[in-house]
Each structure stands twice: as C-alpha cells, then as structure tokens.
Amino acid sequence: MEPLESPFKIILGSSSIARRKILSEMGYEFTLMSADIDEKAIRTEKPEELVMALAKAKADAIVSKLQTSKDMTPSVLIAADTVVVYEGMIREKPESEEEARQFIKGYSGKHAATVSSVLVTNLKNGFTKGDFDKVEIHFHEIPDHVIDKLLEEGLVLKVAGALIIEHPLIVPYVKDVIGTTDSVMGLPKSLTEKLLNEAMKA
C-alpha cells in the first residue's frame, strides 16, 4: 500500500511494536515518540475510564516534550492504551514471569476482553478527541507446554494481561474473537482512521 500523502505529520505516541505495525498497515507514514509516564500512578475502577485517562496522560506528556521543538508542520498525535479485563479485574503488563503464567492459565478454556483507547490531538489547533473499543476473546484449553514456550520467548511479559492472540503459539487455542484483532493488539484501525480524519479536518 502506498503511504497516504498528508500535509500533517503524524506522531505515534507509543513504543509498542504492534501499534507501529498496525499504523504502517493502514498506509500512514509517522514518527515515534514515547511518553514515559508512570502508568501505575493513574488509577480508576472502570477499564474504559482507565484507558482513556492513560491515553490522555501519554498525550499530555508528549505535547509538553514537543513544545520545545521548532518544527512548524501541522502535526497530529495518536496516543493509545489497552488493558485486559478478566473476571471483572483489570490486567496490565505482568510484573513477573509467574504472574504472566497465572494470567495465561486463567484464560485457558475461558474468556477475557480487551479495552483499547485511541486519543488523537491536532497539535496545531488543540482539537482532541478520543474513544475506546472493546473485544471479547474466547479460548480453548491452553496446554502448559505452550505457556512454557511463550514465557521462554518473553513477548507476553511486555503486553497487557500477557495476552497476544495473534502469536503463532496461541492462534490454535483462540476459539472466537468478537471484535477485531487490531483492537486487541492495541490500535483499533477503524476508530483510529475515524479520529484521524476528524482531527485533520478540525
């Protein structure tokens, strides 16, 4: 796909490899910036409110970094966050291999959901708009040897809820996805596209 020509410079405010891959698949050229915020300092009961608050905090942190830059191209900033919800509990990145193992064992034969937020800011005029997307994932039984391999490889330690449904080791154990895989991976394409269009027209 040809990169979309745009007078706007797009900044993806994330260090996530999955989000980078999704935005590239959408045909956009962009630069990367990470927010480096203390995510644990932001707490709220509802997953939808939490992901929106975290995306806003990331955007705010990047905006203050950018205020020192002299680049005059109108820029659009995309900030995003994802959490996993399992049996009513919010799960973020596992803090240890043991916690990651418990997370994945918990999904075996059961289901979990992801809540992903996207917040787009037009840095030229301050227009900002965000929303969230939810996906439900149902799993077959996940064998222990598969969990061992996932932990050995280590990618699951870097993602919310140790959940990577697109991983070749997990794919055979995903029974049903109600929603889109890109949303589970952290950047729902249709929502991102919609918000980008609104921000660029603002």
Protein backbone atom coordinates (compact mmCIF):
# COMPACT_ATOMS: atom_id res chain seq x y z
CA MET A 1 0.00 0.00 0.00
CA GLU A 2 1.32 3.46 -0.89
CA PRO A 3 1.85 5.77 2.12
CA LEU A 4 -1.01 8.26 2.28
CA GLU A 5 0.06 11.75 1.32
CA SER A 6 -0.87 14.14 4.08
CA PRO A 7 0.06 17.74 4.91
CA PHE A 8 0.06 16.54 8.51
CA LYS A 9 2.99 14.92 10.19
CA ILE A 10 1.67 12.01 12.24
CA ILE A 11 3.29 11.18 15.56
CA LEU A 12 2.56 7.83 17.17
CA GLY A 13 2.95 8.32 20.89
CA SER A 14 3.81 4.72 21.69
CA SER A 15 6.76 2.34 21.89
CA SER A 16 4.51 -0.64 21.08
CA ILE A 17 5.74 -2.73 18.13
CA ALA A 18 2.17 -3.92 17.49
CA ARG A 19 0.77 -0.36 17.24
CA ARG A 20 3.62 0.62 14.92
CA LYS A 21 2.83 -2.38 12.68
CA ILE A 22 -0.91 -1.59 12.58
CA LEU A 23 -0.42 2.10 11.70
CA SER A 24 2.01 1.08 8.92
CA GLU A 25 -0.56 -1.42 7.61
CA MET A 26 -3.07 1.45 7.47
CA GLY A 27 -0.73 3.14 4.98
CA TYR A 28 0.46 6.04 7.12
CA GLU A 29 3.97 7.39 7.49
CA PHE A 30 4.72 8.56 11.01
CA THR A 31 7.38 9.29 13.58
CA LEU A 32 7.55 7.71 17.02
CA MET A 33 7.68 9.28 20.46
CA SER A 34 7.16 7.59 23.79
CA ALA A 35 5.56 9.27 26.77
CA ASP A 36 7.50 7.66 29.66
CA ILE A 37 4.76 8.20 32.25
CA ASP A 38 4.20 6.27 35.48
CA GLU A 39 1.11 4.34 34.39
CA LYS A 40 0.61 2.86 37.87
CA ALA A 41 0.09 6.38 39.27
CA ILE A 42 -3.17 6.62 37.31
CA ARG A 43 -5.94 4.50 38.80
CA THR A 44 -9.66 4.23 38.22
CA GLU A 45 -12.19 1.43 38.74
CA LYS A 46 -13.61 1.26 35.23
CA PRO A 47 -11.38 -0.10 32.43
CA GLU A 48 -12.93 2.30 29.88
CA GLU A 49 -12.09 5.31 32.08
CA LEU A 50 -8.61 3.96 32.84
CA VAL A 51 -7.55 3.53 29.20
CA MET A 52 -8.88 6.99 28.33
CA ALA A 53 -7.07 8.57 31.32
CA LEU A 54 -3.81 6.79 30.40
CA ALA A 55 -4.03 7.84 26.73
CA LYS A 56 -4.62 11.44 27.84
CA ALA A 57 -1.67 11.35 30.25
CA LYS A 58 0.57 9.98 27.47
CA ALA A 59 -0.63 12.68 25.05
CA ASP A 60 -0.06 15.44 27.64
CA ALA A 61 3.48 14.19 28.34
CA ILE A 62 4.35 14.13 24.63
CA VAL A 63 2.77 17.55 23.99
CA SER A 64 4.96 19.09 26.69
CA LYS A 65 8.06 17.44 25.13
CA LEU A 66 7.05 18.81 21.71
CA GLN A 67 6.58 22.38 22.93
CA THR A 68 10.36 22.76 22.91
CA SER A 69 10.58 21.65 19.26
CA LYS A 70 10.71 24.19 16.41
CA ASP A 71 9.01 22.05 13.74
CA MET A 72 6.22 24.08 12.13
CA THR A 73 4.48 21.28 10.15
CA PRO A 74 0.95 20.76 11.47
CA SER A 75 1.17 17.55 13.46
CA VAL A 76 -1.36 15.03 14.63
CA LEU A 77 -0.57 12.96 17.71
CA ILE A 78 -2.02 9.50 18.32
CA ALA A 79 -1.93 8.21 21.89
CA ALA A 80 -3.39 4.87 22.91
CA ASP A 81 -3.69 2.40 25.75
CA THR A 82 -5.00 -1.14 26.24
CA VAL A 83 -5.95 -3.21 29.25
CA VAL A 84 -7.26 -6.75 29.56
CA VAL A 85 -10.35 -7.42 31.66
CA TYR A 86 -10.64 -10.91 33.15
CA GLU A 87 -13.48 -11.87 35.52
CA GLY A 88 -14.10 -8.19 36.21
CA MET A 89 -10.46 -7.45 37.08
CA ILE A 90 -8.24 -5.06 35.12
CA ARG A 91 -4.94 -6.58 33.98
CA GLU A 92 -1.99 -4.55 32.79
CA LYS A 93 1.53 -5.77 31.89
CA PRO A 94 2.52 -8.70 34.13
CA GLU A 95 5.06 -7.81 36.81
CA SER A 96 6.79 -11.20 36.73
CA GLU A 97 7.01 -14.42 34.78
CA GLU A 98 4.92 -16.10 37.49
CA GLU A 99 2.15 -13.52 37.14
CA ALA A 100 2.22 -13.91 33.33
CA ARG A 101 1.86 -17.70 33.77
CA GLN A 102 -1.16 -17.22 36.07
CA PHE A 103 -2.74 -14.79 33.59
CA ILE A 104 -2.42 -17.19 30.62
CA LYS A 105 -3.50 -20.25 32.64
CA GLY A 106 -6.59 -18.27 33.66
CA TYR A 107 -7.61 -17.74 30.01
CA SER A 108 -7.45 -21.48 29.31
CA GLY A 109 -10.96 -22.69 28.44
CA LYS A 110 -12.40 -19.31 29.45
CA HIS A 111 -12.71 -15.81 28.03
CA ALA A 112 -11.27 -12.34 28.51
CA ALA A 113 -11.85 -8.90 27.00
CA THR A 114 -9.62 -6.06 25.88
CA VAL A 115 -10.45 -2.38 26.15
CA SER A 116 -8.35 -0.15 23.89
CA SER A 117 -8.41 3.64 23.78
CA VAL A 118 -7.29 5.97 21.00
CA LEU A 119 -6.84 9.70 21.54
CA VAL A 120 -5.96 11.92 18.58
CA THR A 121 -4.79 15.52 19.01
CA ASN A 122 -4.36 18.17 16.31
CA LEU A 123 -1.28 19.91 17.68
CA LYS A 124 -1.85 22.99 15.50
CA ASN A 125 -5.22 23.97 16.98
CA GLY A 126 -5.54 21.82 20.11
CA PHE A 127 -8.53 19.78 18.85
CA THR A 128 -8.56 16.48 20.69
CA LYS A 129 -10.92 13.53 20.54
CA GLY A 130 -10.79 10.01 21.87
CA ASP A 131 -12.86 6.88 22.24
CA PHE A 132 -12.43 3.22 23.16
CA ASP A 133 -13.14 -0.14 21.60
CA LYS A 134 -13.90 -3.47 23.31
CA VAL A 135 -13.22 -7.00 22.11
CA GLU A 136 -14.13 -10.33 23.70
CA ILE A 137 -11.85 -13.36 23.22
CA HIS A 138 -12.85 -16.97 23.97
CA PHE A 139 -10.15 -19.62 24.40
CA HIS A 140 -9.85 -23.40 24.12
CA GLU A 141 -7.77 -25.14 26.81
CA ILE A 142 -4.15 -23.86 26.56
CA PRO A 143 -1.58 -26.63 27.29
CA ASP A 144 1.18 -25.98 29.85
CA HIS A 145 3.95 -26.63 27.29
CA VAL A 146 2.57 -23.78 25.15
CA ILE A 147 2.57 -21.44 28.17
CA ASP A 148 6.18 -22.51 28.93
CA LYS A 149 7.26 -21.66 25.37
CA LEU A 150 5.51 -18.27 25.47
CA LEU A 151 7.23 -17.37 28.75
CA GLU A 152 10.60 -18.57 27.50
CA GLU A 153 10.27 -16.32 24.47
CA GLY A 154 9.28 -13.37 26.68
CA LEU A 155 6.99 -11.27 24.45
CA VAL A 156 3.98 -11.93 26.70
CA LEU A 157 5.78 -10.14 29.54
CA LYS A 158 5.62 -6.86 27.60
CA VAL A 159 1.87 -6.71 26.89
CA ALA A 160 -1.28 -6.05 28.90
CA GLY A 161 -2.59 -9.20 30.55
CA ALA A 162 0.19 -11.28 28.89
CA LEU A 163 -2.30 -11.61 26.05
CA ILE A 164 -1.10 -11.96 22.42
CA ILE A 165 -3.86 -13.59 20.36
CA GLU A 166 -2.03 -13.19 17.04
CA HIS A 167 1.01 -15.15 18.30
CA PRO A 168 1.53 -18.39 16.26
CA LEU A 169 1.71 -20.41 19.50
CA ILE A 170 -1.67 -19.06 20.73
CA VAL A 171 -3.61 -18.90 17.44
CA PRO A 172 -4.70 -22.60 17.59
CA TYR A 173 -6.20 -22.02 21.06
CA VAL A 174 -8.27 -18.96 20.19
CA LYS A 175 -11.83 -20.19 19.84
CA ASP A 176 -13.62 -16.96 18.96
CA VAL A 177 -12.91 -13.23 18.73
CA ILE A 178 -15.89 -10.86 18.98
CA GLY A 179 -14.32 -7.73 17.54
CA THR A 180 -11.07 -7.12 15.65
CA THR A 181 -7.55 -8.44 16.24
CA ASP A 182 -6.03 -4.98 15.63
CA SER A 183 -8.05 -3.68 18.59
CA VAL A 184 -6.70 -6.48 20.81
CA MET A 185 -3.19 -5.59 19.61
CA GLY A 186 -3.69 -2.03 20.85
CA LEU A 187 -4.81 0.11 17.91
CA PRO A 188 -8.34 -0.41 16.52
CA LYS A 189 -7.99 0.57 12.83
CA SER A 190 -11.48 1.89 12.09
CA LEU A 191 -11.60 4.01 15.26
CA THR A 192 -8.08 5.38 14.60
CA GLU A 193 -8.99 6.22 10.99
CA LYS A 194 -12.19 8.00 12.08
CA LEU A 195 -10.44 10.08 14.77
CA LEU A 196 -7.53 10.95 12.47
CA ASN A 197 -9.93 12.24 9.80
CA GLU A 198 -11.78 14.36 12.36
CA ALA A 199 -8.54 15.80 13.78
CA MET A 200 -7.17 16.66 10.33
CA LYS A 201 -10.39 18.42 9.33
CA ALA A 202 -10.72 20.30 12.61
